Protein backbone atom coordinates (compact mmCIF):
# COMPACT_ATOMS: atom_id res chain seq x y z
CA UNK A 1 330.18 164.80 162.75
CA UNK A 2 328.41 161.56 162.62
CA UNK A 3 327.27 159.21 166.01
CA UNK A 4 328.87 155.62 166.01
CA UNK A 5 326.71 152.74 165.18
CA UNK A 6 326.01 151.53 168.62
CA UNK A 7 327.80 147.87 169.57
CA UNK A 8 324.89 145.43 169.58
CA UNK A 9 324.02 144.24 173.64
CA UNK A 10 322.85 140.99 174.97
CA UNK A 11 323.39 137.29 175.20
CA UNK A 12 323.64 136.59 171.24
CA UNK A 13 325.25 139.97 170.35
CA UNK A 14 327.04 139.77 167.17
CA UNK A 15 325.90 136.16 166.17
CA UNK A 16 322.96 134.92 163.68
CA UNK A 17 320.77 132.64 164.35
CA UNK A 18 318.85 130.25 161.71
CA UNK A 19 314.81 129.90 163.55
CA UNK A 20 312.72 127.20 161.70
CA UNK A 21 309.06 126.71 162.19
CA UNK A 22 307.77 130.24 162.38
CA UNK A 23 303.79 129.55 161.61
CA UNK A 24 302.14 132.41 163.61
CA UNK A 25 303.21 135.01 166.57
CA UNK A 26 301.56 132.59 168.70
CA UNK A 27 304.19 129.65 167.61
CA UNK A 28 307.49 128.81 170.47
CA UNK A 29 309.44 129.61 167.09
CA UNK A 30 308.14 133.38 166.69
CA UNK A 31 308.50 133.81 170.67
CA UNK A 32 312.55 132.30 170.33
CA UNK A 33 312.92 134.64 167.36
CA UNK A 34 311.84 137.73 169.34
CA UNK A 35 313.74 136.95 172.06
CA UNK A 36 316.84 136.29 169.83
CA UNK A 37 316.54 139.65 168.20
CA UNK A 38 316.10 141.32 171.78
CA UNK A 39 319.46 139.80 172.70
CA UNK A 40 321.71 141.19 169.73
CA UNK A 41 321.24 138.15 166.97
CA UNK A 42 320.43 138.33 163.84
CA UNK A 43 317.78 136.18 162.75
CA UNK A 44 316.99 134.18 159.77
CA UNK A 45 314.04 132.07 159.04
CA UNK A 46 312.52 129.32 157.16
CA UNK A 47 309.11 128.80 156.03
CA UNK A 48 306.86 125.80 154.69
CA UNK A 49 303.85 126.11 152.44
CA UNK A 50 302.50 129.56 152.46
CA UNK A 51 305.46 131.46 152.44
CA UNK A 52 303.71 134.73 152.26
CA UNK A 53 301.98 133.88 155.62
CA UNK A 54 305.32 132.91 157.20
CA UNK A 55 307.31 136.74 155.64
CA UNK A 56 303.97 138.51 157.21
CA UNK A 57 304.63 136.88 160.58
CA UNK A 58 307.94 137.64 160.13
CA UNK A 59 307.43 141.42 159.67
CA UNK A 60 306.13 141.69 163.21
CA UNK A 61 309.38 141.32 164.68
CA UNK A 62 311.75 143.76 166.20
CA UNK A 63 313.67 143.53 163.23
CA UNK A 64 311.89 142.28 159.72
CA UNK A 65 313.71 138.72 158.86
CA UNK A 66 314.32 136.99 155.65
CA UNK A 67 312.40 133.74 154.97
CA UNK A 68 314.19 130.86 153.53
CA UNK A 69 311.91 128.35 152.16
CA UNK A 70 312.80 124.61 153.22
CA UNK A 71 310.52 121.31 153.30
CA UNK A 72 312.76 119.16 155.33
CA UNK A 73 311.55 116.11 153.62
CA UNK A 74 312.17 117.59 150.19
CA UNK A 75 316.19 116.39 149.22
CA UNK A 76 316.60 119.27 146.54
CA UNK A 77 315.71 122.02 149.58
CA UNK A 78 317.98 120.37 151.61
CA UNK A 79 320.63 120.21 149.00
CA UNK A 80 320.42 123.93 148.45
CA UNK A 81 320.03 125.18 151.70
CA UNK A 82 323.79 125.93 152.55
CA UNK A 83 323.62 128.24 149.20
CA UNK A 84 320.63 129.92 149.67
CA UNK A 85 321.79 130.82 153.14
CA UNK A 86 324.63 132.50 152.19
CA UNK A 87 322.80 134.67 150.06
CA UNK A 88 322.37 136.16 153.82
CA UNK A 89 325.50 135.25 155.85
CA UNK A 90 328.76 133.07 155.30
CA UNK A 91 328.08 131.59 158.93
CA UNK A 92 325.63 130.31 161.43
CA UNK A 93 325.85 130.54 165.25
CA UNK A 94 322.73 128.56 165.99
CA UNK A 95 319.76 126.68 164.78
CA UNK A 96 316.19 126.29 166.18
CA UNK A 97 314.92 122.88 165.44
CA UNK A 98 311.14 123.89 165.84
CA UNK A 99 309.85 121.11 163.14
CA UNK A 100 307.45 118.34 164.22
CA UNK A 101 304.09 116.63 162.36
CA UNK A 102 302.13 114.05 162.74
CA UNK A 103 299.43 112.84 160.42
CA UNK A 104 295.48 112.74 162.11
CA UNK A 105 295.72 109.00 161.73
CA UNK A 106 299.12 109.18 164.04
CA UNK A 107 297.32 111.11 166.68
CA UNK A 108 293.93 111.17 169.06
CA UNK A 109 293.97 107.58 170.47
CA UNK A 110 293.91 105.30 167.65
CA UNK A 111 297.56 104.33 168.31
CA UNK A 112 297.03 100.70 167.31
CA UNK A 113 295.02 101.39 163.92
CA UNK A 114 297.94 103.83 162.67
CA UNK A 115 299.04 103.16 159.09
CA UNK A 116 303.08 102.38 158.66
CA UNK A 117 302.77 105.45 156.37
CA UNK A 118 301.23 107.87 158.68
CA UNK A 119 303.50 106.77 161.63
CA UNK A 120 306.63 106.89 159.18
CA UNK A 121 305.82 110.46 158.36
CA UNK A 122 305.76 111.69 161.63
CA UNK A 123 309.06 110.33 162.39
CA UNK A 124 310.52 111.20 159.20
CA UNK A 125 309.19 114.90 159.65
CA UNK A 126 309.37 115.47 163.63
CA UNK A 127 312.95 112.90 164.40
CA UNK A 128 315.10 112.58 161.19
CA UNK A 129 314.49 116.29 160.34
CA UNK A 130 317.08 116.97 163.06
CA UNK A 131 319.82 115.21 161.82
CA UNK A 132 318.90 116.38 157.93
CA UNK A 133 319.03 120.12 159.18
CA UNK A 134 321.53 119.94 160.99
CA UNK A 135 324.23 118.33 158.37
CA UNK A 136 322.54 120.42 155.74
CA UNK A 137 323.73 123.64 157.48
CA UNK A 138 327.06 121.97 158.57
CA UNK A 139 329.48 124.14 156.41
CA UNK A 140 327.91 127.25 157.98
CA UNK A 141 328.53 126.47 161.91
CA UNK A 142 331.93 127.03 163.55
CA UNK A 143 333.04 126.00 167.03
CA UNK A 144 330.80 127.20 169.86
CA UNK A 145 327.91 126.89 167.55
CA UNK A 146 324.50 125.74 169.21
CA UNK A 147 321.99 123.82 168.01
CA UNK A 148 318.87 123.65 169.86
CA UNK A 149 315.55 121.54 169.22
CA UNK A 150 311.74 121.83 170.73
CA UNK A 151 311.03 118.69 172.33
CA UNK A 152 307.82 117.05 174.95
CA UNK A 153 308.93 114.72 177.63
CA UNK A 154 308.91 111.36 176.08
CA UNK A 155 309.07 108.91 179.38
CA UNK A 156 305.43 108.54 179.37
CA UNK A 157 302.54 108.35 177.51
CA UNK A 158 300.30 111.17 176.87
CA UNK A 159 296.59 110.85 175.98
CA UNK A 160 296.16 111.23 172.23
CA UNK A 161 299.68 112.17 171.45
CA UNK A 162 300.26 108.58 170.44
CA UNK A 163 303.15 108.25 167.17
CA UNK A 164 304.22 112.13 168.03
CA UNK A 165 305.36 110.64 171.32
CA UNK A 166 307.10 107.78 169.60
CA UNK A 167 308.75 110.43 167.50
CA UNK A 168 309.93 113.11 170.34
CA UNK A 169 311.52 109.86 172.09
CA UNK A 170 313.76 109.17 169.01
CA UNK A 171 314.12 113.01 168.67
CA UNK A 172 315.90 112.74 172.25
CA UNK A 173 318.03 109.84 170.98
CA UNK A 174 318.82 112.10 167.20
CA UNK A 175 319.73 114.87 169.50
CA UNK A 176 322.34 112.58 171.80
CA UNK A 177 324.10 111.13 168.50
CA UNK A 178 324.49 114.19 166.85
CA UNK A 179 325.98 115.71 169.94
CA UNK A 180 328.41 112.79 170.28
CA UNK A 181 329.40 112.97 166.69
CA UNK A 182 329.83 117.20 166.42
CA UNK A 183 330.90 117.47 169.88
CA UNK A 184 334.58 117.36 168.70
CA UNK A 185 334.01 120.13 166.35
CA UNK A 186 332.94 121.87 169.32
CA UNK A 187 329.51 122.11 168.37
CA UNK A 188 326.47 121.86 171.05
CA UNK A 189 323.17 119.88 170.62
CA UNK A 190 320.40 120.28 173.23
CA UNK A 191 316.68 119.98 173.58
CA UNK A 192 314.00 122.15 175.46
CA UNK A 193 311.43 119.98 176.77
CA UNK A 194 308.66 122.75 176.99
CA UNK A 195 305.03 122.29 179.19
CA UNK A 196 301.82 122.72 176.98
CA UNK A 197 301.53 125.53 175.50
CA UNK A 198 298.63 126.98 173.76
CA UNK A 199 300.06 126.94 169.75
CA UNK A 200 298.28 126.25 166.61
CA UNK A 201 300.40 123.11 166.50
CA UNK A 202 299.76 122.12 169.99
CA UNK A 203 296.33 122.36 169.74
CA UNK A 204 295.57 120.37 166.36
CA UNK A 205 297.21 117.43 168.69
CA UNK A 206 294.08 117.48 170.89
CA UNK A 207 290.75 115.71 169.59
CA UNK A 208 287.24 115.79 170.92
CA UNK A 209 287.73 113.35 173.68
CA UNK A 210 290.27 115.54 175.39
CA UNK A 211 289.98 118.94 176.48
CA UNK A 212 293.02 121.36 176.33
CA UNK A 213 292.07 123.94 179.38
CA UNK A 214 291.81 120.77 180.97
CA UNK A 215 294.86 119.48 180.48
CA UNK A 216 296.64 122.82 181.02
CA UNK A 217 295.19 123.16 184.18
CA UNK A 218 295.79 119.84 185.42
CA UNK A 219 299.57 120.74 184.52
CA UNK A 220 299.23 123.81 186.27
CA UNK A 221 298.06 121.75 189.46
CA UNK A 222 301.14 119.78 189.35
CA UNK A 223 303.91 121.98 188.49
CA UNK A 224 305.64 122.96 191.83
CA UNK A 225 306.58 126.57 190.20
CA UNK A 226 302.69 126.46 188.30
CA UNK A 227 302.19 126.72 184.55
CA UNK A 228 300.71 129.14 182.01
CA UNK A 229 299.81 127.70 178.97
CA UNK A 230 299.57 130.97 177.52
CA UNK A 231 303.60 132.46 178.46
CA UNK A 232 306.17 131.77 176.11
CA UNK A 233 309.04 133.57 177.70
CA UNK A 234 310.49 131.10 179.94
CA UNK A 235 310.83 128.33 176.78
CA UNK A 236 311.79 131.60 174.28
CA UNK A 237 314.44 132.60 177.23
CA UNK A 238 315.74 129.18 177.62
CA UNK A 239 316.13 128.54 174.19
CA UNK A 240 318.43 131.80 174.06
CA UNK A 241 320.38 130.85 176.79
CA UNK A 242 321.58 127.31 175.20
CA UNK A 243 321.93 129.63 171.94
CA UNK A 244 324.17 131.56 173.69
CA UNK A 245 327.77 131.06 174.66
CA UNK A 246 326.76 130.75 178.47
CA UNK A 247 326.37 126.89 178.69
CA UNK A 248 329.74 126.13 176.79
CA UNK A 249 330.00 122.60 178.18
CA UNK A 250 326.33 121.50 177.82
CA UNK A 251 325.56 119.00 175.17
CA UNK A 252 323.43 116.25 174.73
CA UNK A 253 321.00 117.52 177.55
CA UNK A 254 317.32 117.91 177.96
CA UNK A 255 316.26 121.16 179.54
CA UNK A 256 313.06 121.07 181.12
CA UNK A 257 310.85 124.09 181.16
CA UNK A 258 307.67 122.54 182.65
CA UNK A 259 307.37 124.28 185.86
CA UNK A 260 308.83 121.44 187.04
CA UNK A 261 306.25 118.87 186.45
CA UNK A 262 308.60 116.43 184.95
CA UNK A 263 309.67 116.06 189.04
CA UNK A 264 306.07 115.20 190.26
CA UNK A 265 305.50 111.52 188.76
CA UNK A 266 302.81 111.26 191.48
CA UNK A 267 299.69 113.18 189.78
CA UNK A 268 298.21 113.08 193.63
CA UNK A 269 300.95 115.38 194.78
CA UNK A 270 299.71 118.76 195.31
CA UNK A 271 302.27 121.41 196.83
CA UNK A 272 299.41 124.29 196.34
């Protein structure tokens, strides 16, 4: 007698989630994809540029995931995204927006000399893309679906972050407007503001004048709970909870996952 197929269990059991921004195993998106699968989700990935690299990384997940090409600045990619997703599923229960980019000229302390083109690129890729991605897949989202975007606290200035900080401030506003417009459809939109993690993308924002290890240590010292820049688990879990049904009345929110550093405005305050 054939054994019945076990019913998936976990916070995301039976859900299908689209994860963008997977670059390497040291990307937040990869860790969210892995955690989502561990919690029962079916995962689809999007990739940009070297798709073969993303596909190779996708095979390192607990279960291999299909990769769909997506350049969020390409109108044709956005216009055909729904159709290309439908080749794999007829619905999405969640979307992770993990897309951000700023040209070198928009980072590293040259804020006053950044060209309009470089600033505009940072804004288009890192901010406008949240609205573009969400509306492109909107026909696949149903009541109860969740959109989650990765953020970095933009309430203050961070050395070298420059126009990416401006873009993240715009991302926060964009999420609030999406939450307002999509709320009547039962679709939630939230942000996760993570502390500094040692991802490939994050390391690219540092310059010769900034030491990532010192910045990480300063963050750990200020954080009431402490902070590890190599532990992706807290952020991945937070994204997974927001993608689940466990926060059904939460939208337009910024969930800080930073060890509590956002609460310690005085950098001289040390509890330990």
